[in-house]
Amino acid sequence: MIRRLLFFIVATTLALHTQDAPTKAQVGTVTAVSVHQSENNDGPLQYDVSLKVKDTVYVVLFTPPSGSKGVEYGVGQNVVVLIGDKSISFTKLGTSAVVPILSRHTVPTSASDGPPAPVEYFSGKTQELLAKLELSPDQEAKIKPIFEEETNRSAQVATSSPLSREEKLDQIEKITRSSDQKLKPLLSETQIEMLRDLRKDQKRDTKAFIEAREKQ
């Protein structure tokens, strides 16, 4: 059962190699957190955080700031990341931390693996929007119900057998536009522009998702 504890990413500075070049923003999922085993018991308490991004699992070293009680986390929580050669930058609610990569490994995927369930897919997309828009806590509290409704309605359309592919995509697009009308009064101009760009990517991904489900 997924533990629903909050994973706070706090602002902290770690020594990094200057040649470490991050890639574009991606969404990663926290898969495990454990206390880092170190020979120096007098040093600060640190944590090994396992983060899955696409088909790669990264283990990074997180050091809480001075005075912090530690790191609270939720396995399964999504965070926005920028992956460099030797470090990863997390972003959560506008607060960032740069952490060194301890190890990485590729997760083998089976050729028989199909697309995720519609609820899982659309929930992942809305979580991605929540993270990339860098919402304030107040904004997130107001916007989450809108995304939850969007997720449920879109998933119902995606699983509706009588509808053709084009009809599903058309209805999902209408649901998205309805959500965006509710979101705009809650967002800044910069966030609205960002949402517009993210929706373009989402529309393309959703088309590929519906097509993949039909081929199952």
Protein backbone atom coordinates (compact mmCIF):
# COMPACT_ATOMS: atom_id res chain seq x y z
CA MET A 1 0.00 0.00 0.00
CA ILE A 2 1.41 3.36 -1.00
CA ARG A 3 2.38 5.43 2.00
CA ARG A 4 0.90 8.87 1.61
CA LEU A 5 3.39 10.98 3.50
CA LEU A 6 4.50 14.29 2.08
CA PHE A 7 7.94 14.44 0.41
CA PHE A 8 9.23 17.96 1.01
CA ILE A 9 12.05 19.02 -1.27
CA VAL A 10 13.79 21.91 0.47
CA ALA A 11 16.25 24.45 -0.86
CA THR A 12 19.80 23.27 -0.27
CA THR A 13 23.15 23.71 -1.98
CA LEU A 14 25.57 20.84 -2.57
CA ALA A 15 28.98 20.84 -4.20
CA LEU A 16 28.55 20.00 -7.88
CA HIS A 17 30.85 19.64 -10.87
CA THR A 18 30.45 22.69 -13.09
CA GLN A 19 30.29 20.56 -16.23
CA ASP A 20 27.11 18.82 -15.04
CA ALA A 21 24.53 19.74 -17.72
CA PRO A 22 20.83 19.09 -16.88
CA THR A 23 18.37 17.91 -19.50
CA LYS A 24 14.82 19.17 -20.02
CA ALA A 25 12.29 18.89 -17.19
CA GLN A 26 10.82 15.43 -16.69
CA VAL A 27 8.52 13.81 -14.14
CA GLY A 28 10.01 11.24 -11.78
CA THR A 29 8.34 8.95 -9.25
CA VAL A 30 9.73 8.31 -5.77
CA THR A 31 10.03 4.54 -5.33
CA ALA A 32 11.94 4.25 -2.05
CA VAL A 33 13.63 6.26 0.71
CA SER A 34 16.11 4.92 3.27
CA VAL A 35 18.67 6.30 5.71
CA HIS A 36 22.06 6.62 4.01
CA GLN A 37 24.66 4.31 5.53
CA SER A 38 27.88 6.22 6.20
CA GLU A 39 31.09 5.47 8.07
CA ASN A 40 30.96 8.98 9.50
CA ASN A 41 28.31 8.72 12.19
CA ASP A 42 29.06 12.24 13.38
CA GLY A 43 27.93 13.78 10.09
CA PRO A 44 24.42 15.00 9.23
CA LEU A 45 21.65 12.44 8.72
CA GLN A 46 21.27 11.77 4.99
CA TYR A 47 18.84 9.74 2.88
CA ASP A 48 19.07 7.57 -0.22
CA VAL A 49 16.09 8.45 -2.42
CA SER A 50 15.22 6.13 -5.33
CA LEU A 51 13.63 7.97 -8.22
CA LYS A 52 12.23 6.33 -11.37
CA VAL A 53 12.30 8.46 -14.52
CA LYS A 54 11.00 6.63 -17.58
CA ASP A 55 12.97 3.34 -17.71
CA THR A 56 15.78 4.43 -15.35
CA VAL A 57 15.96 4.33 -11.55
CA TYR A 58 18.30 6.88 -9.97
CA VAL A 59 19.48 6.68 -6.36
CA VAL A 60 20.31 10.18 -5.11
CA LEU A 61 21.73 11.45 -1.83
CA PHE A 62 19.47 13.92 -0.03
CA THR A 63 20.84 16.01 2.86
CA PRO A 64 18.20 17.82 4.95
CA PRO A 65 19.06 21.41 5.87
CA SER A 66 20.37 22.27 9.29
CA GLY A 67 17.60 22.19 11.88
CA SER A 68 15.32 19.96 9.81
CA LYS A 69 13.75 16.89 11.41
CA GLY A 70 14.56 14.85 8.35
CA VAL A 71 12.89 13.98 5.08
CA GLU A 72 9.24 13.00 4.89
CA TYR A 73 8.22 11.15 1.77
CA GLY A 74 5.49 9.32 -0.07
CA VAL A 75 6.36 6.38 -2.27
CA GLY A 76 4.61 6.93 -5.57
CA GLN A 77 4.74 10.72 -5.40
CA ASN A 78 5.66 12.52 -8.62
CA VAL A 79 8.20 15.37 -8.73
CA VAL A 80 9.64 17.43 -11.58
CA VAL A 81 13.34 16.79 -12.18
CA LEU A 82 16.21 18.05 -14.30
CA ILE A 83 18.74 15.25 -14.81
CA GLY A 84 22.40 16.06 -15.25
CA ASP A 85 25.44 13.82 -15.63
CA LYS A 86 26.18 13.72 -11.91
CA SER A 87 23.21 15.41 -10.22
CA ILE A 88 19.43 15.81 -10.29
CA SER A 89 17.49 18.98 -9.55
CA PHE A 90 14.07 18.52 -7.91
CA THR A 91 11.30 21.11 -8.05
CA LYS A 92 8.24 21.04 -5.80
CA LEU A 93 5.91 24.00 -5.24
CA GLY A 94 8.56 26.41 -6.45
CA THR A 95 11.22 25.09 -4.03
CA SER A 96 14.26 23.32 -5.44
CA ALA A 97 17.12 21.10 -4.32
CA VAL A 98 20.11 19.77 -6.26
CA VAL A 99 21.27 16.31 -5.18
CA PRO A 100 24.15 14.09 -6.35
CA ILE A 101 23.44 10.84 -8.17
CA LEU A 102 24.85 7.82 -6.30
CA SER A 103 23.87 5.20 -8.86
CA ARG A 104 21.52 4.50 -11.74
CA HIS A 105 20.20 1.43 -13.49
CA THR A 106 17.82 0.69 -16.34
CA VAL A 107 14.62 -1.16 -15.56
CA PRO A 108 13.96 -3.86 -18.18
CA THR A 109 10.55 -3.66 -19.81
CA SER A 110 8.64 -6.53 -21.31
CA ALA A 111 7.52 -6.33 -24.92
CA SER A 112 4.13 -7.55 -23.74
CA ASP A 113 3.69 -4.61 -21.39
CA GLY A 114 0.73 -2.53 -22.52
CA PRO A 115 -0.27 1.07 -21.81
CA PRO A 116 -1.36 1.96 -18.26
CA ALA A 117 -5.00 1.98 -17.19
CA PRO A 118 -6.84 5.17 -18.22
CA VAL A 119 -7.21 6.42 -14.64
CA GLU A 120 -3.49 5.87 -14.06
CA TYR A 121 -2.58 7.59 -17.33
CA PHE A 122 -4.75 10.69 -16.86
CA SER A 123 -3.85 10.93 -13.17
CA GLY A 124 -0.19 10.93 -14.16
CA LYS A 125 -0.82 13.70 -16.67
CA THR A 126 -2.57 15.92 -14.15
CA GLN A 127 0.16 15.25 -11.57
CA GLU A 128 2.68 16.32 -14.19
CA LEU A 129 0.77 19.57 -14.73
CA LEU A 130 0.56 20.21 -10.98
CA ALA A 131 4.31 19.80 -10.67
CA LYS A 132 5.43 21.71 -13.78
CA LEU A 133 3.17 24.70 -13.17
CA GLU A 134 4.99 25.30 -9.86
CA LEU A 135 1.81 26.20 -8.02
CA SER A 136 1.66 27.83 -4.63
CA PRO A 137 0.04 25.75 -1.85
CA ASP A 138 -3.10 27.90 -2.11
CA GLN A 139 -3.29 27.45 -5.89
CA GLU A 140 -2.75 23.70 -5.60
CA ALA A 141 -5.55 23.33 -3.05
CA LYS A 142 -8.00 25.07 -5.41
CA ILE A 143 -6.79 23.39 -8.60
CA LYS A 144 -6.56 19.76 -7.46
CA PRO A 145 -10.38 19.22 -7.49
CA ILE A 146 -10.53 20.52 -11.07
CA PHE A 147 -7.85 18.05 -12.16
CA GLU A 148 -9.50 15.19 -10.26
CA GLU A 149 -12.76 15.81 -12.14
CA GLU A 150 -10.84 16.00 -15.42
CA THR A 151 -9.07 12.69 -14.67
CA ASN A 152 -12.28 10.83 -13.86
CA ARG A 153 -14.25 12.17 -16.85
CA SER A 154 -11.40 11.55 -19.31
CA ALA A 155 -10.87 8.01 -18.02
CA GLN A 156 -14.56 7.25 -18.47
CA VAL A 157 -14.43 8.44 -22.07
CA ALA A 158 -11.28 6.43 -22.80
CA THR A 159 -12.97 3.22 -21.62
CA SER A 160 -16.24 3.82 -23.47
CA SER A 161 -16.52 1.00 -26.03
CA PRO A 162 -19.26 2.55 -28.23
CA LEU A 163 -17.09 5.58 -29.04
CA SER A 164 -14.66 5.63 -31.95
CA ARG A 165 -11.08 6.81 -31.52
CA GLU A 166 -11.92 10.20 -33.01
CA GLU A 167 -14.97 10.59 -30.77
CA LYS A 168 -12.93 9.76 -27.67
CA LEU A 169 -10.23 12.26 -28.56
CA ASP A 170 -12.83 14.92 -29.35
CA GLN A 171 -14.63 14.44 -26.02
CA ILE A 172 -11.38 14.40 -24.04
CA GLU A 173 -10.36 17.63 -25.76
CA LYS A 174 -13.66 19.23 -24.72
CA ILE A 175 -13.11 18.08 -21.12
CA THR A 176 -9.63 19.60 -21.19
CA ARG A 177 -10.90 22.92 -22.54
CA SER A 178 -13.57 23.00 -19.83
CA SER A 179 -10.91 22.45 -17.16
CA ASP A 180 -8.71 25.18 -18.59
CA GLN A 181 -11.55 27.71 -18.40
CA LYS A 182 -11.84 26.94 -14.68
CA LEU A 183 -8.06 27.06 -14.21
CA LYS A 184 -7.32 30.39 -15.89
CA PRO A 185 -8.72 32.64 -13.10
CA LEU A 186 -6.48 30.77 -10.64
CA LEU A 187 -3.23 31.06 -12.61
CA SER A 188 -0.78 33.83 -13.38
CA GLU A 189 -0.21 34.94 -16.98
CA THR A 190 3.07 33.02 -17.02
CA GLN A 191 1.39 29.87 -15.74
CA ILE A 192 -1.39 30.19 -18.33
CA GLU A 193 1.20 30.31 -21.12
CA MET A 194 2.97 27.33 -19.59
CA LEU A 195 -0.32 25.42 -19.34
CA ARG A 196 -1.04 26.13 -23.01
CA ASP A 197 2.31 24.61 -24.03
CA LEU A 198 1.91 21.61 -21.72
CA ARG A 199 -1.55 20.89 -23.09
CA LYS A 200 -0.12 20.63 -26.61
CA ASP A 201 2.22 17.86 -25.46
CA GLN A 202 -0.60 16.22 -23.53
CA LYS A 203 -2.87 16.20 -26.59
CA ARG A 204 -0.18 14.42 -28.62
CA ASP A 205 0.50 11.91 -25.83
CA THR A 206 -3.20 11.20 -25.32
CA LYS A 207 -3.67 10.45 -29.01
CA ALA A 208 -0.80 7.93 -28.81
CA PHE A 209 -2.26 6.47 -25.60
CA ILE A 210 -5.72 5.91 -27.12
CA GLU A 211 -4.16 4.35 -30.21
CA ALA A 212 -2.04 2.03 -28.07
CA ARG A 213 -5.09 0.88 -26.10
CA GLU A 214 -6.93 0.02 -29.30
CA LYS A 215 -4.03 -2.18 -30.43
CA GLN A 216 -4.11 -4.28 -27.25
